[in-house]
Amino acid sequence: MTLQENRPAGLQAIDREMARQNADAIASFEGATARAKEIAAALQETSGLLLLGMGGSHAVNRTVEPLYRALGIEAIAIPLSEQLGMPLAIEGRTVLITSQSGESAEVLRWFSETGGSEHTFGLTLEASSFLGKAAPCLVGAGGTELAFAATRSLTVSFALHLAILSALGEDPAPALAVLAAPATHDITPALAALSDVATVVTSGRRLQGLAEALALGLTELSRYPCFSMEGGQLRHGPMEMLGLKTGVVLFRGDDATADLVTAMALSAVATGSPVVLFDASGQEPVDGAETLRFQPSAGLAAVFAMLPVAQRLMIAFAEARVENAGTPVRSTKITRSE
């Protein structure tokens, strides 16, 4: 029996998704031009964007939220479940609902209760889904993601947002170049640094959404309590949890928040926590942190560079701890209940 055949079936399914995620992302960007222009026109009319989603879709929304704000769009990302219980007004805003399956329980209830709005759009991997039929949608290439933890669906969703940002005037070339020629990194030192931890906290500043996506994947696959806190929030009290058994994974891009991430890395190292730093800042490495270095970049270029390496780290972290990693025991791929 080969080594690949010995891998849990759930991880083999993830491997298959990841093997084609960059190609699907490029195809998604190329196929999204017309709809992306329509959404961009709505954003230019409303100047407000409400990003709604659950799970990995919410992490995608959190990642792109600051990118829209940088273009003058007042973007707010909240879980769709929160919007159902404590709604923000949708009038005067463009609403973008993200659901890779298009069938989540919250998506169905939101349309049932609101009927959508003139400026409601969807983002999904499945054109024939409920969401695909309920609203004008950006549809990712490659069809529904079959593996449990989100990998390809994240990359494809980011590519669809890249199409919207491009229609708003952002240069997509740096991000597309990363997708076309992904960097390779040895994750062995980073994995070794986290080998004895009982939990992992991920954190960033402008890349906080990416940190949240990794924390979700770590938790889903390893079944360890891993979670994410924005860098400022981590400062305000939760530093008390840091120490030898709490791993810290940080994301630093080439942007105005890089120095704050550096300061957090230094503080975390000083507590004795094992620290892994995903670094696209172009700054010097942080002493005591295992640093995975990328070409200086920001925004989606940094996301596309770091994401596949972070995915490989979360998979290896889980595989070292769980015999059947990738096969959910308490969850389903499509959450059909609230």
C-alpha atoms as a PDB file:
ATOM      1  CA  MET A   1       0.000   0.000   0.000  1.00  0.00           C
ATOM      2  CA  THR A   2       1.410   3.419  -0.933  1.00  0.00           C
ATOM      3  CA  LEU A   3       1.923   6.302   1.466  1.00  0.00           C
ATOM      4  CA  GLN A   4      -0.881   8.193  -0.307  1.00  0.00           C
ATOM      5  CA  GLU A   5      -3.261   5.253   0.195  1.00  0.00           C
ATOM      6  CA  ASN A   6      -2.394   5.300   3.904  1.00  0.00           C
ATOM      7  CA  ARG A   7      -3.562   8.894   4.210  1.00  0.00           C
ATOM      8  CA  PRO A   8      -7.050   9.333   5.661  1.00  0.00           C
ATOM      9  CA  ALA A   9      -9.730   9.502   2.982  1.00  0.00           C
ATOM     10  CA  GLY A  10     -10.733  12.971   4.161  1.00  0.00           C
ATOM     11  CA  LEU A  11      -7.230  14.324   3.601  1.00  0.00           C
ATOM     12  CA  GLN A  12      -7.007  12.672   0.199  1.00  0.00           C
ATOM     13  CA  ALA A  13     -10.187  14.549  -0.715  1.00  0.00           C
ATOM     14  CA  ILE A  14      -8.589  17.807   0.448  1.00  0.00           C
ATOM     15  CA  ASP A  15      -5.459  17.006  -1.573  1.00  0.00           C
ATOM     16  CA  ARG A  16      -7.590  16.691  -4.702  1.00  0.00           C
ATOM     17  CA  GLU A  17      -9.256  20.043  -4.084  1.00  0.00           C
ATOM     18  CA  MET A  18      -5.966  21.808  -3.414  1.00  0.00           C
ATOM     19  CA  ALA A  19      -4.295  20.326  -6.480  1.00  0.00           C
ATOM     20  CA  ARG A  20      -6.582  22.331  -8.745  1.00  0.00           C
ATOM     21  CA  GLN A  21      -7.417  25.347  -6.619  1.00  0.00           C
ATOM     22  CA  ASN A  22      -5.090  27.819  -8.341  1.00  0.00           C
ATOM     23  CA  ALA A  23      -6.176  26.817 -11.841  1.00  0.00           C
ATOM     24  CA  ASP A  24      -9.829  27.052 -10.792  1.00  0.00           C
ATOM     25  CA  ALA A  25      -9.155  30.438  -9.197  1.00  0.00           C
ATOM     26  CA  ILE A  26      -7.650  31.831 -12.413  1.00  0.00           C
ATOM     27  CA  ALA A  27     -10.568  30.439 -14.438  1.00  0.00           C
ATOM     28  CA  SER A  28     -12.995  31.960 -11.920  1.00  0.00           C
ATOM     29  CA  PHE A  29     -11.406  35.385 -12.254  1.00  0.00           C
ATOM     30  CA  GLU A  30     -11.475  35.200 -16.043  1.00  0.00           C
ATOM     31  CA  GLY A  31     -15.105  34.103 -16.122  1.00  0.00           C
ATOM     32  CA  ALA A  32     -16.363  36.708 -13.670  1.00  0.00           C
ATOM     33  CA  THR A  33     -15.814  39.881 -15.691  1.00  0.00           C
ATOM     34  CA  ALA A  34     -19.398  40.734 -16.637  1.00  0.00           C
ATOM     35  CA  ARG A  35     -20.989  40.037 -13.259  1.00  0.00           C
ATOM     36  CA  ALA A  36     -18.085  41.682 -11.419  1.00  0.00           C
ATOM     37  CA  LYS A  37     -18.686  44.887 -13.395  1.00  0.00           C
ATOM     38  CA  GLU A  38     -22.359  44.761 -12.404  1.00  0.00           C
ATOM     39  CA  ILE A  39     -21.458  44.411  -8.722  1.00  0.00           C
ATOM     40  CA  ALA A  40     -18.841  47.156  -9.006  1.00  0.00           C
ATOM     41  CA  ALA A  41     -21.454  49.472 -10.511  1.00  0.00           C
ATOM     42  CA  ALA A  42     -23.771  48.765  -7.575  1.00  0.00           C
ATOM     43  CA  LEU A  43     -20.944  49.478  -5.130  1.00  0.00           C
ATOM     44  CA  GLN A  44     -20.170  52.760  -6.848  1.00  0.00           C
ATOM     45  CA  GLU A  45     -23.838  53.684  -6.555  1.00  0.00           C
ATOM     46  CA  THR A  46     -24.274  52.718  -2.893  1.00  0.00           C
ATOM     47  CA  SER A  47     -20.722  53.150  -1.498  1.00  0.00           C
ATOM     48  CA  GLY A  48     -21.679  50.566   1.120  1.00  0.00           C
ATOM     49  CA  LEU A  49     -21.112  46.813   1.208  1.00  0.00           C
ATOM     50  CA  LEU A  50     -22.591  44.272   3.609  1.00  0.00           C
ATOM     51  CA  LEU A  51     -20.712  40.969   3.385  1.00  0.00           C
ATOM     52  CA  LEU A  52     -22.692  38.029   4.757  1.00  0.00           C
ATOM     53  CA  GLY A  53     -21.598  34.407   5.158  1.00  0.00           C
ATOM     54  CA  MET A  54     -20.917  31.569   7.566  1.00  0.00           C
ATOM     55  CA  GLY A  55     -17.824  29.540   8.423  1.00  0.00           C
ATOM     56  CA  GLY A  56     -15.145  29.758   5.756  1.00  0.00           C
ATOM     57  CA  SER A  57     -17.315  32.134   3.758  1.00  0.00           C
ATOM     58  CA  HIS A  58     -17.280  34.591   6.662  1.00  0.00           C
ATOM     59  CA  ALA A  59     -13.493  34.260   6.861  1.00  0.00           C
ATOM     60  CA  VAL A  60     -13.331  35.176   3.167  1.00  0.00           C
ATOM     61  CA  ASN A  61     -15.503  38.202   3.856  1.00  0.00           C
ATOM     62  CA  ARG A  62     -13.321  39.282   6.775  1.00  0.00           C
ATOM     63  CA  THR A  63     -10.240  39.000   4.564  1.00  0.00           C
ATOM     64  CA  VAL A  64     -11.563  41.204   1.778  1.00  0.00           C
ATOM     65  CA  GLU A  65     -13.366  43.679   4.044  1.00  0.00           C
ATOM     66  CA  PRO A  66     -10.312  45.991   4.407  1.00  0.00           C
ATOM     67  CA  LEU A  67      -9.588  45.774   0.668  1.00  0.00           C
ATOM     68  CA  TYR A  68     -12.956  47.311  -0.174  1.00  0.00           C
ATOM     69  CA  ARG A  69     -12.538  49.922   2.530  1.00  0.00           C
ATOM     70  CA  ALA A  70      -9.214  50.934   0.985  1.00  0.00           C
ATOM     71  CA  LEU A  71     -11.142  51.759  -2.205  1.00  0.00           C
ATOM     72  CA  GLY A  72     -13.614  53.987  -0.385  1.00  0.00           C
ATOM     73  CA  ILE A  73     -16.347  51.351   0.042  1.00  0.00           C
ATOM     74  CA  GLU A  74     -17.800  51.220   3.563  1.00  0.00           C
ATOM     75  CA  ALA A  75     -17.569  47.433   3.889  1.00  0.00           C
ATOM     76  CA  ILE A  76     -18.890  45.514   6.881  1.00  0.00           C
ATOM     77  CA  ALA A  77     -18.565  41.736   7.245  1.00  0.00           C
ATOM     78  CA  ILE A  78     -20.743  39.956   9.791  1.00  0.00           C
ATOM     79  CA  PRO A  79     -21.948  36.356  10.110  1.00  0.00           C
ATOM     80  CA  LEU A  80     -25.219  35.745   8.326  1.00  0.00           C
ATOM     81  CA  SER A  81     -26.602  34.265  11.553  1.00  0.00           C
ATOM     82  CA  GLU A  82     -25.944  37.591  13.279  1.00  0.00           C
ATOM     83  CA  GLN A  83     -27.667  39.487  10.485  1.00  0.00           C
ATOM     84  CA  LEU A  84     -30.706  37.249  10.944  1.00  0.00           C
ATOM     85  CA  GLY A  85     -30.903  37.932  14.677  1.00  0.00           C
ATOM     86  CA  MET A  86     -29.615  41.516  14.886  1.00  0.00           C
ATOM     87  CA  PRO A  87     -29.919  42.923  11.369  1.00  0.00           C
ATOM     88  CA  LEU A  88     -28.136  45.888   9.910  1.00  0.00           C
ATOM     89  CA  ALA A  89     -30.186  47.872   7.420  1.00  0.00           C
ATOM     90  CA  ILE A  90     -29.753  46.638   3.854  1.00  0.00           C
ATOM     91  CA  GLU A  91     -31.286  49.716   2.251  1.00  0.00           C
ATOM     92  CA  GLY A  92     -28.647  51.838   0.588  1.00  0.00           C
ATOM     93  CA  ARG A  93     -26.078  49.049   0.738  1.00  0.00           C
ATOM     94  CA  THR A  94     -24.888  46.467  -1.723  1.00  0.00           C
ATOM     95  CA  VAL A  95     -25.315  43.037  -0.135  1.00  0.00           C
ATOM     96  CA  LEU A  96     -23.018  40.163  -1.091  1.00  0.00           C
ATOM     97  CA  ILE A  97     -23.953  36.760   0.334  1.00  0.00           C
ATOM     98  CA  THR A  98     -21.256  34.112   0.131  1.00  0.00           C
ATOM     99  CA  SER A  99     -22.018  30.402   0.402  1.00  0.00           C
ATOM    100  CA  GLN A 100     -19.869  27.879  -1.430  1.00  0.00           C
ATOM    101  CA  SER A 101     -22.713  25.346  -1.440  1.00  0.00           C
ATOM    102  CA  GLY A 102     -25.462  27.941  -1.821  1.00  0.00           C
ATOM    103  CA  GLU A 103     -27.613  25.765   0.422  1.00  0.00           C
ATOM    104  CA  SER A 104     -26.804  26.755   4.016  1.00  0.00           C
ATOM    105  CA  ALA A 105     -29.782  27.045   6.341  1.00  0.00           C
ATOM    106  CA  GLU A 106     -29.092  30.706   7.047  1.00  0.00           C
ATOM    107  CA  VAL A 107     -29.044  31.570   3.345  1.00  0.00           C
ATOM    108  CA  LEU A 108     -32.449  30.007   2.811  1.00  0.00           C
ATOM    109  CA  ARG A 109     -33.939  31.791   5.829  1.00  0.00           C
ATOM    110  CA  TRP A 110     -32.467  35.183   4.923  1.00  0.00           C
ATOM    111  CA  PHE A 111     -34.090  35.174   1.502  1.00  0.00           C
ATOM    112  CA  SER A 112     -37.320  33.813   2.961  1.00  0.00           C
ATOM    113  CA  GLU A 113     -37.486  36.652   5.487  1.00  0.00           C
ATOM    114  CA  THR A 114     -36.168  39.567   3.417  1.00  0.00           C
ATOM    115  CA  GLY A 115     -36.714  38.664  -0.215  1.00  0.00           C
ATOM    116  CA  GLY A 116     -33.346  40.226  -0.942  1.00  0.00           C
ATOM    117  CA  SER A 117     -32.967  43.723  -2.355  1.00  0.00           C
ATOM    118  CA  GLU A 118     -32.214  45.490  -5.606  1.00  0.00           C
ATOM    119  CA  HIS A 119     -28.511  45.366  -4.840  1.00  0.00           C
ATOM    120  CA  THR A 120     -28.260  41.825  -3.452  1.00  0.00           C
ATOM    121  CA  PHE A 121     -25.752  39.503  -5.106  1.00  0.00           C
ATOM    122  CA  GLY A 122     -24.378  36.057  -4.341  1.00  0.00           C
ATOM    123  CA  LEU A 123     -21.016  34.340  -4.493  1.00  0.00           C
ATOM    124  CA  THR A 124     -21.052  30.556  -4.751  1.00  0.00           C
ATOM    125  CA  LEU A 125     -19.454  27.510  -6.350  1.00  0.00           C
ATOM    126  CA  GLU A 126     -22.752  26.008  -7.434  1.00  0.00           C
ATOM    127  CA  ALA A 127     -24.861  27.841 -10.029  1.00  0.00           C
ATOM    128  CA  SER A 128     -27.801  25.447  -9.608  1.00  0.00           C
ATOM    129  CA  SER A 129     -27.984  25.955  -5.830  1.00  0.00           C
ATOM    130  CA  PHE A 130     -30.667  27.895  -3.985  1.00  0.00           C
ATOM    131  CA  LEU A 131     -28.404  30.954  -3.800  1.00  0.00           C
ATOM    132  CA  GLY A 132     -27.450  30.584  -7.447  1.00  0.00           C
ATOM    133  CA  LYS A 133     -31.117  30.884  -8.385  1.00  0.00           C
ATOM    134  CA  ALA A 134     -32.156  33.440  -5.752  1.00  0.00           C
ATOM    135  CA  ALA A 135     -29.776  36.238  -6.730  1.00  0.00           C
ATOM    136  CA  PRO A 136     -27.409  37.300  -9.514  1.00  0.00           C
ATOM    137  CA  CYS A 137     -24.224  35.415  -8.606  1.00  0.00           C
ATOM    138  CA  LEU A 138     -20.547  35.231  -9.182  1.00  0.00           C
ATOM    139  CA  VAL A 139     -19.962  31.500  -9.687  1.00  0.00           C
ATOM    140  CA  GLY A 140     -16.592  29.906  -9.102  1.00  0.00           C
ATOM    141  CA  ALA A 141     -15.095  27.420 -11.538  1.00  0.00           C
ATOM    142  CA  GLY A 142     -14.839  23.727 -10.764  1.00  0.00           C
ATOM    143  CA  GLY A 143     -18.141  23.087  -9.030  1.00  0.00           C
ATOM    144  CA  THR A 144     -18.892  22.321  -5.409  1.00  0.00           C
ATOM    145  CA  GLU A 145     -16.036  21.604  -3.036  1.00  0.00           C
ATOM    146  CA  LEU A 146     -16.394  18.022  -1.798  1.00  0.00           C
ATOM    147  CA  ALA A 147     -13.788  17.843   0.973  1.00  0.00           C
ATOM    148  CA  PHE A 148     -14.824  18.865   4.488  1.00  0.00           C
ATOM    149  CA  ALA A 149     -12.494  21.732   5.396  1.00  0.00           C
ATOM    150  CA  ALA A 150     -12.505  24.744   3.074  1.00  0.00           C
ATOM    151  CA  THR A 151      -9.435  24.999   0.841  1.00  0.00           C
ATOM    152  CA  ARG A 152     -10.264  25.384  -2.868  1.00  0.00           C
ATOM    153  CA  SER A 153     -13.472  27.232  -2.032  1.00  0.00           C
ATOM    154  CA  LEU A 154     -11.476  29.917  -0.218  1.00  0.00           C
ATOM    155  CA  THR A 155      -9.013  30.401  -3.078  1.00  0.00           C
ATOM    156  CA  VAL A 156     -11.769  30.521  -5.685  1.00  0.00           C
ATOM    157  CA  SER A 157     -13.830  32.945  -3.603  1.00  0.00           C
ATOM    158  CA  PHE A 158     -10.858  35.281  -3.259  1.00  0.00           C
ATOM    159  CA  ALA A 159     -10.407  35.168  -7.044  1.00  0.00           C
ATOM    160  CA  LEU A 160     -14.035  36.210  -7.528  1.00  0.00           C
ATOM    161  CA  HIS A 161     -13.474  39.144  -5.195  1.00  0.00           C
ATOM    162  CA  LEU A 162     -10.347  39.969  -7.188  1.00  0.00           C
ATOM    163  CA  ALA A 163     -12.595  40.333 -10.230  1.00  0.00           C
ATOM    164  CA  ILE A 164     -14.810  42.840  -8.381  1.00  0.00           C
ATOM    165  CA  LEU A 165     -11.819  44.764  -7.043  1.00  0.00           C
ATOM    166  CA  SER A 166     -10.364  44.842 -10.552  1.00  0.00           C
ATOM    167  CA  ALA A 167     -13.634  46.265 -11.876  1.00  0.00           C
ATOM    168  CA  LEU A 168     -13.327  48.955  -9.192  1.00  0.00           C
ATOM    169  CA  GLY A 169      -9.870  49.901 -10.462  1.00  0.00           C
ATOM    170  CA  GLU A 170      -7.507  47.667  -8.479  1.00  0.00           C
ATOM    171  CA  ASP A 171      -4.606  46.159 -10.462  1.00  0.00           C
ATOM    172  CA  PRO A 172      -5.097  42.356 -10.408  1.00  0.00           C
ATOM    173  CA  ALA A 173      -1.698  41.551 -11.957  1.00  0.00           C
ATOM    174  CA  PRO A 174       0.289  40.944  -8.723  1.00  0.00           C
ATOM    175  CA  ALA A 175      -2.333  38.548  -7.339  1.00  0.00           C
ATOM    176  CA  LEU A 176      -2.720  36.704 -10.641  1.00  0.00           C
ATOM    177  CA  ALA A 177       1.054  36.318 -10.906  1.00  0.00           C
ATOM    178  CA  VAL A 178       1.110  34.563  -7.524  1.00  0.00           C
ATOM    179  CA  LEU A 179      -1.709  32.240  -8.578  1.00  0.00           C
ATOM    180  CA  ALA A 180       0.129  31.371 -11.779  1.00  0.00           C
ATOM    181  CA  ALA A 181       3.429  30.624 -10.041  1.00  0.00           C
ATOM    182  CA  PRO A 182       2.808  29.654  -6.401  1.00  0.00           C
ATOM    183  CA  ALA A 183       5.795  29.631  -4.070  1.00  0.00           C
ATOM    184  CA  THR A 184       6.827  26.476  -2.240  1.00  0.00           C
ATOM    185  CA  HIS A 185       7.903  26.443   1.388  1.00  0.00           C
ATOM    186  CA  ASP A 186       9.180  23.803   3.768  1.00  0.00           C
ATOM    187  CA  ILE A 187       6.654  23.725   6.615  1.00  0.00           C
ATOM    188  CA  THR A 188       8.655  21.210   8.682  1.00  0.00           C
ATOM    189  CA  PRO A 189      10.201  23.770  11.101  1.00  0.00           C
ATOM    190  CA  ALA A 190       6.846  25.472  11.631  1.00  0.00           C
ATOM    191  CA  LEU A 191       5.138  22.150  12.258  1.00  0.00           C
ATOM    192  CA  ALA A 192       7.868  21.154  14.721  1.00  0.00           C
ATOM    193  CA  ALA A 193       7.419  24.433  16.585  1.00  0.00           C
ATOM    194  CA  LEU A 194       3.750  23.576  17.160  1.00  0.00           C
ATOM    195  CA  SER A 195       4.323  19.901  17.949  1.00  0.00           C
ATOM    196  CA  ASP A 196       3.655  20.120  21.709  1.00  0.00           C
ATOM    197  CA  VAL A 197       0.974  22.792  21.910  1.00  0.00           C
ATOM    198  CA  ALA A 198      -2.511  22.160  23.270  1.00  0.00           C
ATOM    199  CA  THR A 199      -4.095  25.018  21.346  1.00  0.00           C
ATOM    200  CA  VAL A 200      -3.253  27.532  18.636  1.00  0.00           C
ATOM    201  CA  VAL A 201      -4.278  31.169  18.411  1.00  0.00           C
ATOM    202  CA  THR A 202      -3.917  32.859  15.039  1.00  0.00           C
ATOM    203  CA  SER A 203      -3.740  36.599  14.629  1.00  0.00           C
ATOM    204  CA  GLY A 204      -3.092  39.423  12.211  1.00  0.00           C
ATOM    205  CA  ARG A 205      -3.986  42.996  11.541  1.00  0.00           C
ATOM    206  CA  ARG A 206      -4.923  43.770   7.947  1.00  0.00           C
ATOM    207  CA  LEU A 207      -4.607  40.025   7.236  1.00  0.00           C
ATOM    208  CA  GLN A 208      -6.829  39.074  10.171  1.00  0.00           C
ATOM    209  CA  GLY A 209      -9.398  37.403   7.937  1.00  0.00           C
ATOM    210  CA  LEU A 210      -6.730  35.024   6.655  1.00  0.00           C
ATOM    211  CA  ALA A 211      -5.800  34.239  10.250  1.00  0.00           C
ATOM    212  CA  GLU A 212      -9.453  33.437  10.955  1.00  0.00           C
ATOM    213  CA  ALA A 213      -9.624  31.092   7.971  1.00  0.00           C
ATOM    214  CA  LEU A 214      -6.603  29.163   9.250  1.00  0.00           C
ATOM    215  CA  ALA A 215      -7.978  28.901  12.781  1.00  0.00           C
ATOM    216  CA  LEU A 216     -11.233  27.469  11.459  1.00  0.00           C
ATOM    217  CA  GLY A 217      -9.405  24.874   9.375  1.00  0.00           C
ATOM    218  CA  LEU A 218      -7.112  23.912  12.260  1.00  0.00           C
ATOM    219  CA  THR A 219     -10.095  23.353  14.519  1.00  0.00           C
ATOM    220  CA  GLU A 220     -12.145  21.426  11.966  1.00  0.00           C
ATOM    221  CA  LEU A 221      -9.322  19.059  11.017  1.00  0.00           C
ATOM    222  CA  SER A 222      -7.416  18.571  14.294  1.00  0.00           C
ATOM    223  CA  ARG A 223     -10.390  18.876  16.688  1.00  0.00           C
ATOM    224  CA  TYR A 224      -8.131  20.948  18.922  1.00  0.00           C
ATOM    225  CA  PRO A 225      -9.512  24.254  20.268  1.00  0.00           C
ATOM    226  CA  CYS A 226      -7.856  26.679  17.861  1.00  0.00           C
ATOM    227  CA  PHE A 227      -9.187  30.189  17.413  1.00  0.00           C
ATOM    228  CA  SER A 228      -8.323  33.629  16.113  1.00  0.00           C
ATOM    229  CA  MET A 229      -8.067  37.100  17.623  1.00  0.00           C
ATOM    230  CA  GLU A 230      -7.327  40.365  15.854  1.00  0.00           C
ATOM    231  CA  GLY A 231      -3.962  41.689  17.027  1.00  0.00           C
ATOM    232  CA  GLY A 232      -5.290  44.581  19.051  1.00  0.00           C
ATOM    233  CA  GLN A 233      -7.855  42.367  20.762  1.00  0.00           C
ATOM    234  CA  LEU A 234      -5.165  39.834  21.617  1.00  0.00           C
ATOM    235  CA  ARG A 235      -3.288  42.608  23.413  1.00  0.00           C
ATOM    236  CA  HIS A 236      -6.216  43.496  25.652  1.00  0.00           C
ATOM    237  CA  GLY A 237      -6.115  40.696  28.218  1.00  0.00           C
ATOM    238  CA  PRO A 238      -5.880  37.404  26.280  1.00  0.00           C
ATOM    239  CA  MET A 239      -2.065  37.592  26.369  1.00  0.00           C
ATOM    240  CA  GLU A 240      -2.568  35.827  29.719  1.00  0.00           C
ATOM    241  CA  MET A 241      -3.162  32.534  27.913  1.00  0.00           C
ATOM    242  CA  LEU A 242       0.196  32.542  26.144  1.00  0.00           C
ATOM    243  CA  GLY A 243       2.965  30.156  27.165  1.00  0.00           C
ATOM    244  CA  LEU A 244       4.595  26.888  26.194  1.00  0.00           C
ATOM    245  CA  LYS A 245       1.331  25.077  25.411  1.00  0.00           C
ATOM    246  CA  THR A 246      -0.241  27.855  23.335  1.00  0.00           C
ATOM    247  CA  GLY A 247       1.013  28.192  19.787  1.00  0.00           C
ATOM    248  CA  VAL A 248       0.752  31.546  18.031  1.00  0.00           C
ATOM    249  CA  VAL A 249       0.517  31.916  14.235  1.00  0.00           C
ATOM    250  CA  LEU A 250       0.822  35.457  12.897  1.00  0.00           C
ATOM    251  CA  PHE A 251       0.336  36.999   9.446  1.00  0.00           C
ATOM    252  CA  ARG A 252       2.406  40.041   8.425  1.00  0.00           C
ATOM    253  CA  GLY A 253       1.993  41.749   5.059  1.00  0.00           C
ATOM    254  CA  ASP A 254       3.705  44.653   3.351  1.00  0.00           C
ATOM    255  CA  ASP A 255       1.250  47.213   4.685  1.00  0.00           C
ATOM    256  CA  ALA A 256       0.873  49.902   7.315  1.00  0.00           C
ATOM    257  CA  THR A 257       0.089  47.383  10.077  1.00  0.00           C
ATOM    258  CA  ALA A 258       3.298  45.349   9.701  1.00  0.00           C
ATOM    259  CA  ASP A 259       5.048  46.955  12.681  1.00  0.00           C
ATOM    260  CA  LEU A 260       2.132  46.064  14.949  1.00  0.00           C
ATOM    261  CA  VAL A 261       2.403  42.404  13.920  1.00  0.00           C
ATOM    262  CA  THR A 262       6.145  42.559  14.575  1.00  0.00           C
ATOM    263  CA  ALA A 263       5.501  43.895  18.081  1.00  0.00           C
ATOM    264  CA  MET A 264       3.029  41.083  18.750  1.00  0.00           C
ATOM    265  CA  ALA A 265       5.512  38.476  17.531  1.00  0.00           C
ATOM    266  CA  LEU A 266       8.176  39.817  19.903  1.00  0.00           C
ATOM    267  CA  SER A 267       5.737  39.840  22.807  1.00  0.00           C
ATOM    268  CA  ALA A 268       4.509  36.327  22.081  1.00  0.00           C
ATOM    269  CA  VAL A 269       8.051  34.972  21.837  1.00  0.00           C
ATOM    270  CA  ALA A 270       8.817  36.557  25.211  1.00  0.00           C
ATOM    271  CA  THR A 271       5.972  34.584  26.855  1.00  0.00           C
ATOM    272  CA  GLY A 272       7.488  31.273  25.752  1.00  0.00           C
ATOM    273  CA  SER A 273       4.762  30.539  23.219  1.00  0.00           C
ATOM    274  CA  PRO A 274       5.955  28.816  20.053  1.00  0.00           C
ATOM    275  CA  VAL A 275       5.478  31.434  17.322  1.00  0.00           C
ATOM    276  CA  VAL A 276       5.087  30.891  13.580  1.00  0.00           C
ATOM    277  CA  LEU A 277       5.175  34.000  11.388  1.00  0.00           C
ATOM    278  CA  PHE A 278       3.825  34.079   7.836  1.00  0.00           C
ATOM    279  CA  ASP A 279       5.722  37.051   6.511  1.00  0.00           C
ATOM    280  CA  ALA A 280       5.244  39.008   3.292  1.00  0.00           C
ATOM    281  CA  SER A 281       6.338  42.313   4.800  1.00  0.00           C
ATOM    282  CA  GLY A 282       9.881  42.487   3.483  1.00  0.00           C
ATOM    283  CA  GLN A 283      11.026  43.267   7.023  1.00  0.00           C
ATOM    284  CA  GLU A 284      13.649  41.419   9.041  1.00  0.00           C
ATOM    285  CA  PRO A 285      12.673  38.069  10.633  1.00  0.00           C
ATOM    286  CA  VAL A 286      11.679  38.095  14.284  1.00  0.00           C
ATOM    287  CA  ASP A 287      14.166  36.391  16.576  1.00  0.00           C
ATOM    288  CA  GLY A 288      12.653  33.332  18.192  1.00  0.00           C
ATOM    289  CA  ALA A 289       9.830  32.938  15.667  1.00  0.00           C
ATOM    290  CA  GLU A 290       9.725  30.319  12.913  1.00  0.00           C
ATOM    291  CA  THR A 291       9.332  32.547   9.885  1.00  0.00           C
ATOM    292  CA  LEU A 292       7.915  31.533   6.521  1.00  0.00           C
ATOM    293  CA  ARG A 293       9.083  34.291   4.173  1.00  0.00           C
ATOM    294  CA  PHE A 294       7.280  35.382   1.021  1.00  0.00           C
ATOM    295  CA  GLN A 295       7.946  38.061  -1.555  1.00  0.00           C
ATOM    296  CA  PRO A 296       6.860  41.459  -0.189  1.00  0.00           C
ATOM    297  CA  SER A 297       3.175  41.839  -0.972  1.00  0.00           C
ATOM    298  CA  ALA A 298      -0.137  42.996   0.406  1.00  0.00           C
ATOM    299  CA  GLY A 299      -3.820  42.395  -0.177  1.00  0.00           C
ATOM    300  CA  LEU A 300      -4.847  39.410  -2.255  1.00  0.00           C
ATOM    301  CA  ALA A 301      -1.326  38.906  -3.598  1.00  0.00           C
ATOM    302  CA  ALA A 302      -0.204  38.199  -0.023  1.00  0.00           C
ATOM    303  CA  VAL A 303      -3.278  36.050   0.597  1.00  0.00           C
ATOM    304  CA  PHE A 304      -2.694  33.898  -2.486  1.00  0.00           C
ATOM    305  CA  ALA A 305       0.965  33.471  -1.542  1.00  0.00           C
ATOM    306  CA  MET A 306       0.363  32.488   2.078  1.00  0.00           C
ATOM    307  CA  LEU A 307      -2.898  30.559   1.881  1.00  0.00           C
ATOM    308  CA  PRO A 308      -1.709  27.276   0.296  1.00  0.00           C
ATOM    309  CA  VAL A 309       1.247  27.104   2.692  1.00  0.00           C
ATOM    310  CA  ALA A 310      -1.049  27.748   5.650  1.00  0.00           C
ATOM    311  CA  GLN A 311      -3.351  25.017   4.324  1.00  0.00           C
ATOM    312  CA  ARG A 312      -0.498  22.519   4.215  1.00  0.00           C
ATOM    313  CA  LEU A 313       0.452  23.472   7.780  1.00  0.00           C
ATOM    314  CA  MET A 314      -3.085  22.955   9.081  1.00  0.00           C
ATOM    315  CA  ILE A 315      -3.345  19.583   7.336  1.00  0.00           C
ATOM    316  CA  ALA A 316      -0.023  18.375   8.718  1.00  0.00           C
ATOM    317  CA  PHE A 317      -0.927  19.663  12.189  1.00  0.00           C
ATOM    318  CA  ALA A 318      -4.152  17.659  12.114  1.00  0.00           C
ATOM    319  CA  GLU A 319      -2.627  14.547  10.591  1.00  0.00           C
ATOM    320  CA  ALA A 320      -0.169  14.385  13.493  1.00  0.00           C
ATOM    321  CA  ARG A 321      -3.046  14.379  15.997  1.00  0.00           C
ATOM    322  CA  VAL A 322      -6.072  12.635  14.501  1.00  0.00           C
ATOM    323  CA  GLU A 323      -6.216   9.221  12.805  1.00  0.00           C
ATOM    324  CA  ASN A 324      -9.121  10.099  10.514  1.00  0.00           C
ATOM    325  CA  ALA A 325      -8.325  13.773   9.950  1.00  0.00           C
ATOM    326  CA  GLY A 326     -10.560  15.325   7.337  1.00  0.00           C
ATOM    327  CA  THR A 327     -13.588  13.161   8.152  1.00  0.00           C
ATOM    328  CA  PRO A 328     -16.054  15.124  10.309  1.00  0.00           C
ATOM    329  CA  VAL A 329     -17.618  13.349  13.284  1.00  0.00           C
ATOM    330  CA  ARG A 330     -19.950  16.096  14.544  1.00  0.00           C
ATOM    331  CA  SER A 331     -20.459  18.291  11.480  1.00  0.00           C
ATOM    332  CA  THR A 332     -21.474  18.099   7.841  1.00  0.00           C
ATOM    333  CA  LYS A 333     -20.058  19.845   4.793  1.00  0.00           C
ATOM    334  CA  ILE A 334     -23.305  21.691   4.191  1.00  0.00           C
ATOM    335  CA  THR A 335     -24.890  22.947   7.417  1.00  0.00           C
ATOM    336  CA  ARG A 336     -28.627  22.644   6.903  1.00  0.00           C
ATOM    337  CA  SER A 337     -29.762  23.424  10.452  1.00  0.00           C
ATOM    338  CA  GLU A 338     -29.395  26.427  12.716  1.00  0.00           C
END
